[in-house]
Amino acid sequence: MIGELIAWLVMAFLVNPLTAEVQSRLAEANAPPAVVAQVAACGASAAPVLLQRATEDPWWAIRTGLATWIGTTSPDAVLAEAAPRCVPAMQAARPYLPQG
């Protein structure tokens, strides 16, 4: 029961906002549908990795969530770092993501 609650919290406040932010920024930049699809697949594959990391290291999840919320860390960097299989998708998306 506690595990399910933690999983829900991580998905609701970390994984979903990260992938939604990257996909939103890609849509605003008129990125090709193939790039958006790669990022969506990356988000789906990164979810279990992020969930495991967050349950093993809750402080990482809190720091990461806050850092992306205040803008000191970009969501695409978190996805690429947490799930190395996402690196090609994030590299394809990078030209369409404003750096700032």
C-alpha atoms as a PDB file:
ATOM      1  CA  MET A   1       0.000   0.000   0.000  1.00  0.00           C
ATOM      2  CA  ILE A   2       2.768   2.481   0.909  1.00  0.00           C
ATOM      3  CA  GLY A   3       4.714   1.405  -2.179  1.00  0.00           C
ATOM      4  CA  GLU A   4       1.732   2.162  -4.392  1.00  0.00           C
ATOM      5  CA  LEU A   5       1.337   5.587  -2.810  1.00  0.00           C
ATOM      6  CA  ILE A   6       5.016   6.377  -3.354  1.00  0.00           C
ATOM      7  CA  ALA A   7       4.792   5.189  -6.955  1.00  0.00           C
ATOM      8  CA  TRP A   8       1.763   7.389  -7.546  1.00  0.00           C
ATOM      9  CA  LEU A   9       3.486  10.423  -6.013  1.00  0.00           C
ATOM     10  CA  VAL A  10       6.630   9.917  -8.085  1.00  0.00           C
ATOM     11  CA  MET A  11       4.626   9.508 -11.271  1.00  0.00           C
ATOM     12  CA  ALA A  12       2.361  12.480 -10.512  1.00  0.00           C
ATOM     13  CA  PHE A  13       5.012  14.929  -9.339  1.00  0.00           C
ATOM     14  CA  LEU A  14       8.197  13.863 -11.127  1.00  0.00           C
ATOM     15  CA  VAL A  15       7.859  11.573 -14.149  1.00  0.00           C
ATOM     16  CA  ASN A  16       4.690  12.965 -15.734  1.00  0.00           C
ATOM     17  CA  PRO A  17       5.645  16.642 -15.324  1.00  0.00           C
ATOM     18  CA  LEU A  18       9.126  16.007 -16.736  1.00  0.00           C
ATOM     19  CA  THR A  19       7.884  14.287 -19.874  1.00  0.00           C
ATOM     20  CA  ALA A  20       4.963  16.689 -20.294  1.00  0.00           C
ATOM     21  CA  GLU A  21       7.279  19.700 -20.083  1.00  0.00           C
ATOM     22  CA  VAL A  22       9.640  18.348 -22.734  1.00  0.00           C
ATOM     23  CA  GLN A  23       6.766  17.371 -25.031  1.00  0.00           C
ATOM     24  CA  SER A  24       5.121  20.776 -24.562  1.00  0.00           C
ATOM     25  CA  ARG A  25       8.327  22.593 -25.414  1.00  0.00           C
ATOM     26  CA  LEU A  26       8.746  20.416 -28.515  1.00  0.00           C
ATOM     27  CA  ALA A  27       5.192  21.135 -29.639  1.00  0.00           C
ATOM     28  CA  GLU A  28       5.734  24.890 -29.193  1.00  0.00           C
ATOM     29  CA  ALA A  29       8.896  24.632 -31.302  1.00  0.00           C
ATOM     30  CA  ASN A  30       7.069  22.709 -34.050  1.00  0.00           C
ATOM     31  CA  ALA A  31       9.424  19.759 -33.736  1.00  0.00           C
ATOM     32  CA  PRO A  32       8.917  16.930 -36.219  1.00  0.00           C
ATOM     33  CA  PRO A  33       6.399  14.292 -35.092  1.00  0.00           C
ATOM     34  CA  ALA A  34       9.139  11.636 -35.156  1.00  0.00           C
ATOM     35  CA  VAL A  35      11.131  13.569 -32.548  1.00  0.00           C
ATOM     36  CA  VAL A  36       8.046  14.041 -30.368  1.00  0.00           C
ATOM     37  CA  ALA A  37       7.314  10.310 -30.656  1.00  0.00           C
ATOM     38  CA  GLN A  38      10.894   9.460 -29.643  1.00  0.00           C
ATOM     39  CA  VAL A  39      10.577  11.650 -26.557  1.00  0.00           C
ATOM     40  CA  ALA A  40       7.212  10.096 -25.659  1.00  0.00           C
ATOM     41  CA  ALA A  41       8.728   6.621 -25.927  1.00  0.00           C
ATOM     42  CA  CYS A  42      11.665   7.797 -23.840  1.00  0.00           C
ATOM     43  CA  GLY A  43       9.335   9.075 -21.138  1.00  0.00           C
ATOM     44  CA  ALA A  44       7.532   5.757 -21.040  1.00  0.00           C
ATOM     45  CA  SER A  45      10.780   3.798 -20.806  1.00  0.00           C
ATOM     46  CA  ALA A  46      12.247   6.211 -18.238  1.00  0.00           C
ATOM     47  CA  ALA A  47       9.278   5.960 -15.884  1.00  0.00           C
ATOM     48  CA  PRO A  48      10.325   2.677 -14.209  1.00  0.00           C
ATOM     49  CA  VAL A  49      13.939   3.860 -13.929  1.00  0.00           C
ATOM     50  CA  LEU A  50      12.911   7.168 -12.367  1.00  0.00           C
ATOM     51  CA  LEU A  51      10.472   5.403 -10.064  1.00  0.00           C
ATOM     52  CA  GLN A  52      13.144   2.984  -8.858  1.00  0.00           C
ATOM     53  CA  ARG A  53      15.649   5.775  -8.320  1.00  0.00           C
ATOM     54  CA  ALA A  54      13.113   7.889  -6.440  1.00  0.00           C
ATOM     55  CA  THR A  55      12.124   5.039  -4.137  1.00  0.00           C
ATOM     56  CA  GLU A  56      15.767   4.173  -3.444  1.00  0.00           C
ATOM     57  CA  ASP A  57      16.796   7.807  -2.953  1.00  0.00           C
ATOM     58  CA  PRO A  58      13.823  10.008  -1.968  1.00  0.00           C
ATOM     59  CA  TRP A  59      16.081  13.032  -1.477  1.00  0.00           C
ATOM     60  CA  TRP A  60      17.164  12.746  -5.110  1.00  0.00           C
ATOM     61  CA  ALA A  61      13.499  12.844  -6.141  1.00  0.00           C
ATOM     62  CA  ILE A  62      12.819  15.893  -3.988  1.00  0.00           C
ATOM     63  CA  ARG A  63      15.949  17.730  -5.173  1.00  0.00           C
ATOM     64  CA  THR A  64      15.256  16.868  -8.802  1.00  0.00           C
ATOM     65  CA  GLY A  65      11.624  17.907  -8.604  1.00  0.00           C
ATOM     66  CA  LEU A  66      12.511  21.219  -7.003  1.00  0.00           C
ATOM     67  CA  ALA A  67      15.408  21.864  -9.379  1.00  0.00           C
ATOM     68  CA  THR A  68      13.213  21.379 -12.429  1.00  0.00           C
ATOM     69  CA  TRP A  69      10.397  23.395 -10.888  1.00  0.00           C
ATOM     70  CA  ILE A  70      12.622  26.415 -10.207  1.00  0.00           C
ATOM     71  CA  GLY A  71      14.463  26.002 -13.499  1.00  0.00           C
ATOM     72  CA  THR A  72      17.987  25.145 -12.373  1.00  0.00           C
ATOM     73  CA  THR A  73      17.756  21.753 -14.082  1.00  0.00           C
ATOM     74  CA  SER A  74      16.039  21.088 -17.389  1.00  0.00           C
ATOM     75  CA  PRO A  75      13.586  18.212 -17.703  1.00  0.00           C
ATOM     76  CA  ASP A  76      15.388  16.873 -20.765  1.00  0.00           C
ATOM     77  CA  ALA A  77      18.645  16.695 -18.791  1.00  0.00           C
ATOM     78  CA  VAL A  78      16.939  14.741 -16.010  1.00  0.00           C
ATOM     79  CA  LEU A  79      15.451  12.256 -18.458  1.00  0.00           C
ATOM     80  CA  ALA A  80      18.752  11.769 -20.279  1.00  0.00           C
ATOM     81  CA  GLU A  81      20.704  11.369 -17.027  1.00  0.00           C
ATOM     82  CA  ALA A  82      18.238   9.045 -15.320  1.00  0.00           C
ATOM     83  CA  ALA A  83      17.604   6.805 -18.304  1.00  0.00           C
ATOM     84  CA  PRO A  84      20.671   6.538 -20.545  1.00  0.00           C
ATOM     85  CA  ARG A  85      18.521   4.933 -23.255  1.00  0.00           C
ATOM     86  CA  CYS A  86      16.866   8.358 -23.561  1.00  0.00           C
ATOM     87  CA  VAL A  87      20.070  10.086 -24.666  1.00  0.00           C
ATOM     88  CA  PRO A  88      19.447   9.607 -28.433  1.00  0.00           C
ATOM     89  CA  ALA A  89      15.885  10.941 -28.114  1.00  0.00           C
ATOM     90  CA  MET A  90      17.071  13.927 -26.088  1.00  0.00           C
ATOM     91  CA  GLN A  91      19.846  14.631 -28.594  1.00  0.00           C
ATOM     92  CA  ALA A  92      17.283  14.587 -31.409  1.00  0.00           C
ATOM     93  CA  ALA A  93      15.063  16.944 -29.409  1.00  0.00           C
ATOM     94  CA  ARG A  94      17.784  19.347 -28.257  1.00  0.00           C
ATOM     95  CA  PRO A  95      17.712  21.616 -31.378  1.00  0.00           C
ATOM     96  CA  TYR A  96      14.004  22.240 -30.710  1.00  0.00           C
ATOM     97  CA  LEU A  97      14.347  22.876 -26.987  1.00  0.00           C
ATOM     98  CA  PRO A  98      15.149  26.440 -25.989  1.00  0.00           C
ATOM     99  CA  GLN A  99      18.170  26.598 -23.747  1.00  0.00           C
ATOM    100  CA  GLY A 100      17.847  28.923 -20.867  1.00  0.00           C
END
